[in-house]
Amino acid sequence: MKKSLVWAAGCCLLFSCTNSSNAPGTKDTTSAMSAAPATPPQSEFADARYTEIGKKVMSQLASGDIKGMMDEYADNAVYNWSAGDSLAGKGAIEKYWMDRRANVVDSLSFAKDIWLPLKVNRPQQGPDVPGVWLLNWTEVHVKYKKGPRLVFWVHTDYHFDQADKIDRQITYIDRAPINKATGMH
């Protein structure tokens, strides 16, 4: 019984010591220190303005305003598809989409889009690129000039440089139905 009373008294003393900083006239320094971690988290939400940039790029692509779309890309931008092919440089990306919109795609629209702006402070492993990423999932509706209409989902990752220009775009897409629809087997 005596040990229980000593233990209970010790707990009361410890509890009263931790709450004494909240007494009137005392300054609480523990909450200020605990509010700001010593190192930033591995990742966190980025500013919503990146979502607006992504929506603008998609809107310009849908309307065929490729010149306007390219204003959001860095000169050294790289455009990758999940199949492993890629375009390097703003000029190559612009040429591809100008040709595609003029000669292959009749109409293009996006629906049910989901956006997630993410700031990566520390890569988790490997060659991950820190900085601001914008993740997008969207349903694509496309009518080809010499083919059928298709509806499919695509996932796109955009990475932004220090000037808030897209310097890397990765598009995850199953190109087999697209190749079949456009006769590009």
Protein backbone atom coordinates (compact mmCIF):
# COMPACT_ATOMS: atom_id res chain seq x y z
CA MET A 1 0.00 0.00 0.00
CA LYS A 2 2.85 2.33 0.88
CA LYS A 3 4.46 1.72 -2.53
CA SER A 4 1.15 2.52 -4.26
CA LEU A 5 0.88 5.82 -2.41
CA VAL A 6 4.45 6.76 -3.32
CA TRP A 7 3.78 5.87 -6.97
CA ALA A 8 0.51 7.89 -7.00
CA ALA A 9 2.23 10.87 -5.36
CA GLY A 10 5.02 10.70 -7.93
CA CYS A 11 2.52 10.68 -10.79
CA CYS A 12 0.66 13.66 -9.28
CA LEU A 13 3.92 15.56 -8.89
CA LEU A 14 4.95 14.79 -12.47
CA PHE A 15 1.51 15.77 -13.78
CA SER A 16 1.49 19.03 -11.83
CA CYS A 17 4.95 19.91 -13.17
CA THR A 18 3.89 19.47 -16.77
CA ASN A 19 0.77 21.61 -16.32
CA SER A 20 2.42 24.41 -14.36
CA SER A 21 3.55 26.12 -17.56
CA ASN A 22 -0.12 26.80 -18.39
CA ALA A 23 -0.69 28.75 -15.18
CA PRO A 24 -1.66 32.42 -15.60
CA GLY A 25 1.34 34.69 -16.04
CA THR A 26 3.66 31.90 -17.27
CA LYS A 27 4.93 31.56 -20.80
CA ASP A 28 4.42 28.27 -22.68
CA THR A 29 7.64 27.64 -24.60
CA THR A 30 7.05 23.95 -25.25
CA SER A 31 4.24 24.49 -27.79
CA ALA A 32 6.36 26.96 -29.77
CA MET A 33 9.20 24.46 -29.97
CA SER A 34 6.97 21.50 -30.82
CA ALA A 35 5.04 23.45 -33.50
CA ALA A 36 8.08 23.74 -35.76
CA PRO A 37 9.89 20.46 -36.35
CA ALA A 38 13.66 20.61 -36.63
CA THR A 39 13.50 19.28 -40.19
CA PRO A 40 10.64 19.69 -42.65
CA PRO A 41 8.49 16.65 -43.39
CA GLN A 42 9.48 14.37 -46.27
CA SER A 43 6.61 15.84 -48.32
CA GLU A 44 3.71 18.24 -47.84
CA PHE A 45 0.92 19.84 -49.84
CA ALA A 46 2.15 22.49 -52.28
CA ASP A 47 0.46 25.74 -53.17
CA ALA A 48 -2.82 25.42 -55.11
CA ARG A 49 -1.43 27.70 -57.84
CA TYR A 50 0.30 24.65 -59.30
CA THR A 51 -3.10 23.03 -59.80
CA GLU A 52 -4.21 26.14 -61.67
CA ILE A 53 -1.15 25.88 -63.94
CA GLY A 54 -1.96 22.21 -64.64
CA LYS A 55 -5.60 23.00 -65.42
CA LYS A 56 -4.49 25.79 -67.75
CA VAL A 57 -2.10 23.46 -69.62
CA MET A 58 -4.83 20.84 -70.06
CA SER A 59 -7.35 23.44 -71.21
CA GLN A 60 -4.89 24.79 -73.78
CA LEU A 61 -4.10 21.28 -75.02
CA ALA A 62 -7.83 20.51 -75.36
CA SER A 63 -8.47 23.73 -77.30
CA GLY A 64 -5.41 23.25 -79.54
CA ASP A 65 -3.58 26.31 -78.14
CA ILE A 66 -0.19 24.59 -78.16
CA LYS A 67 1.77 27.87 -78.28
CA GLY A 68 -0.02 29.05 -75.13
CA MET A 69 0.50 25.66 -73.46
CA MET A 70 4.23 25.82 -74.14
CA ASP A 71 4.50 29.08 -72.17
CA GLU A 72 4.27 26.90 -69.05
CA TYR A 73 7.24 24.69 -70.01
CA ALA A 74 10.94 25.25 -69.33
CA ASP A 75 13.28 25.29 -72.33
CA ASN A 76 14.94 22.06 -71.11
CA ALA A 77 11.67 20.25 -70.35
CA VAL A 78 11.47 16.48 -70.80
CA TYR A 79 8.16 14.79 -71.65
CA ASN A 80 8.03 11.07 -70.81
CA TRP A 81 5.41 8.42 -71.44
CA SER A 82 5.12 5.28 -69.37
CA ALA A 83 6.08 3.22 -72.42
CA GLY A 84 9.59 4.63 -72.13
CA ASP A 85 9.56 6.98 -75.09
CA SER A 86 10.21 10.66 -74.49
CA LEU A 87 10.67 14.10 -75.96
CA ALA A 88 13.54 16.34 -74.84
CA GLY A 89 13.34 20.11 -75.07
CA LYS A 90 10.51 22.59 -75.36
CA GLY A 91 10.81 22.69 -79.16
CA ALA A 92 10.40 18.92 -79.52
CA ILE A 93 7.38 18.89 -77.22
CA GLU A 94 5.78 21.76 -79.12
CA LYS A 95 6.43 20.14 -82.52
CA TYR A 96 4.91 16.83 -81.37
CA TRP A 97 1.72 18.40 -80.02
CA MET A 98 1.32 20.81 -82.95
CA ASP A 99 1.47 17.86 -85.36
CA ARG A 100 -0.74 15.66 -83.18
CA ARG A 101 -3.47 18.30 -82.83
CA ALA A 102 -3.33 19.28 -86.54
CA ASN A 103 -3.13 15.82 -88.09
CA VAL A 104 -4.24 13.13 -85.63
CA VAL A 105 -6.64 14.49 -82.97
CA ASP A 106 -9.97 15.94 -84.09
CA SER A 107 -11.28 16.81 -80.63
CA LEU A 108 -10.04 16.40 -77.09
CA SER A 109 -11.58 16.98 -73.67
CA PHE A 110 -10.95 16.02 -70.08
CA ALA A 111 -13.40 15.10 -67.32
CA LYS A 112 -13.47 13.93 -63.71
CA ASP A 113 -10.01 15.37 -63.07
CA ILE A 114 -8.25 15.00 -59.72
CA TRP A 115 -5.30 17.20 -58.73
CA LEU A 116 -2.72 16.86 -55.98
CA PRO A 117 0.04 19.50 -55.66
CA LEU A 118 2.89 18.07 -53.61
CA LYS A 119 6.16 19.55 -52.36
CA VAL A 120 8.84 16.92 -51.91
CA ASN A 121 11.39 18.15 -49.37
CA ARG A 122 13.48 14.97 -49.25
CA PRO A 123 13.38 12.13 -51.75
CA GLN A 124 12.46 8.80 -50.22
CA GLN A 125 15.14 6.94 -52.14
CA GLY A 126 17.10 6.76 -55.34
CA PRO A 127 17.12 9.48 -57.96
CA ASP A 128 13.79 11.02 -56.91
CA VAL A 129 13.63 14.71 -57.70
CA PRO A 130 12.76 17.02 -54.81
CA GLY A 131 10.68 20.13 -55.43
CA VAL A 132 7.09 20.71 -56.46
CA TRP A 133 5.18 17.95 -58.21
CA LEU A 134 1.62 18.15 -59.48
CA LEU A 135 -0.16 14.80 -59.75
CA ASN A 136 -3.21 14.51 -61.99
CA TRP A 137 -5.70 11.79 -62.85
CA THR A 138 -8.25 12.50 -65.55
CA GLU A 139 -10.66 10.84 -67.93
CA VAL A 140 -9.75 11.62 -71.55
CA HIS A 141 -12.33 11.90 -74.33
CA VAL A 142 -10.72 11.97 -77.76
CA LYS A 143 -11.98 11.75 -81.34
CA TYR A 144 -9.33 10.92 -83.92
CA LYS A 145 -9.45 12.33 -87.44
CA LYS A 146 -9.11 8.87 -88.98
CA GLY A 147 -10.47 6.70 -86.21
CA PRO A 148 -13.02 6.20 -83.49
CA ARG A 149 -13.75 8.04 -80.30
CA LEU A 150 -11.96 6.75 -77.24
CA VAL A 151 -12.48 7.30 -73.54
CA PHE A 152 -9.70 6.32 -71.16
CA TRP A 153 -7.98 7.37 -67.95
CA VAL A 154 -4.52 8.89 -67.79
CA HIS A 155 -2.26 9.81 -64.89
CA THR A 156 0.22 12.65 -65.34
CA ASP A 157 3.00 13.93 -63.07
CA TYR A 158 4.34 17.44 -63.62
CA HIS A 159 7.57 18.67 -61.98
CA PHE A 160 8.24 22.40 -61.67
CA ASP A 161 11.61 24.15 -61.74
CA GLN A 162 12.57 27.14 -59.57
CA ALA A 163 10.82 29.51 -62.04
CA ASP A 164 7.57 27.49 -61.72
CA LYS A 165 7.90 26.15 -65.26
CA ILE A 166 7.24 22.49 -66.06
CA ASP A 167 10.62 20.84 -66.55
CA ARG A 168 9.47 17.22 -66.44
CA GLN A 169 6.18 15.60 -67.39
CA ILE A 170 5.49 11.91 -67.03
CA THR A 171 2.29 10.57 -68.57
CA TYR A 172 1.14 7.08 -67.58
CA ILE A 173 -1.08 5.77 -70.35
CA ASP A 174 -1.93 2.56 -72.19
CA ARG A 175 -1.06 3.53 -75.76
CA ALA A 176 -2.16 0.21 -77.31
CA PRO A 177 -5.81 1.30 -77.84
CA ILE A 178 -4.63 4.67 -79.12
CA ASN A 179 -2.21 3.07 -81.58
CA LYS A 180 -4.97 0.73 -82.77
CA ALA A 181 -7.44 3.60 -83.18
CA THR A 182 -4.97 5.70 -85.17
CA GLY A 183 -3.52 2.82 -87.21
CA MET A 184 -0.09 3.14 -85.58
CA HIS A 185 0.53 -0.53 -84.72
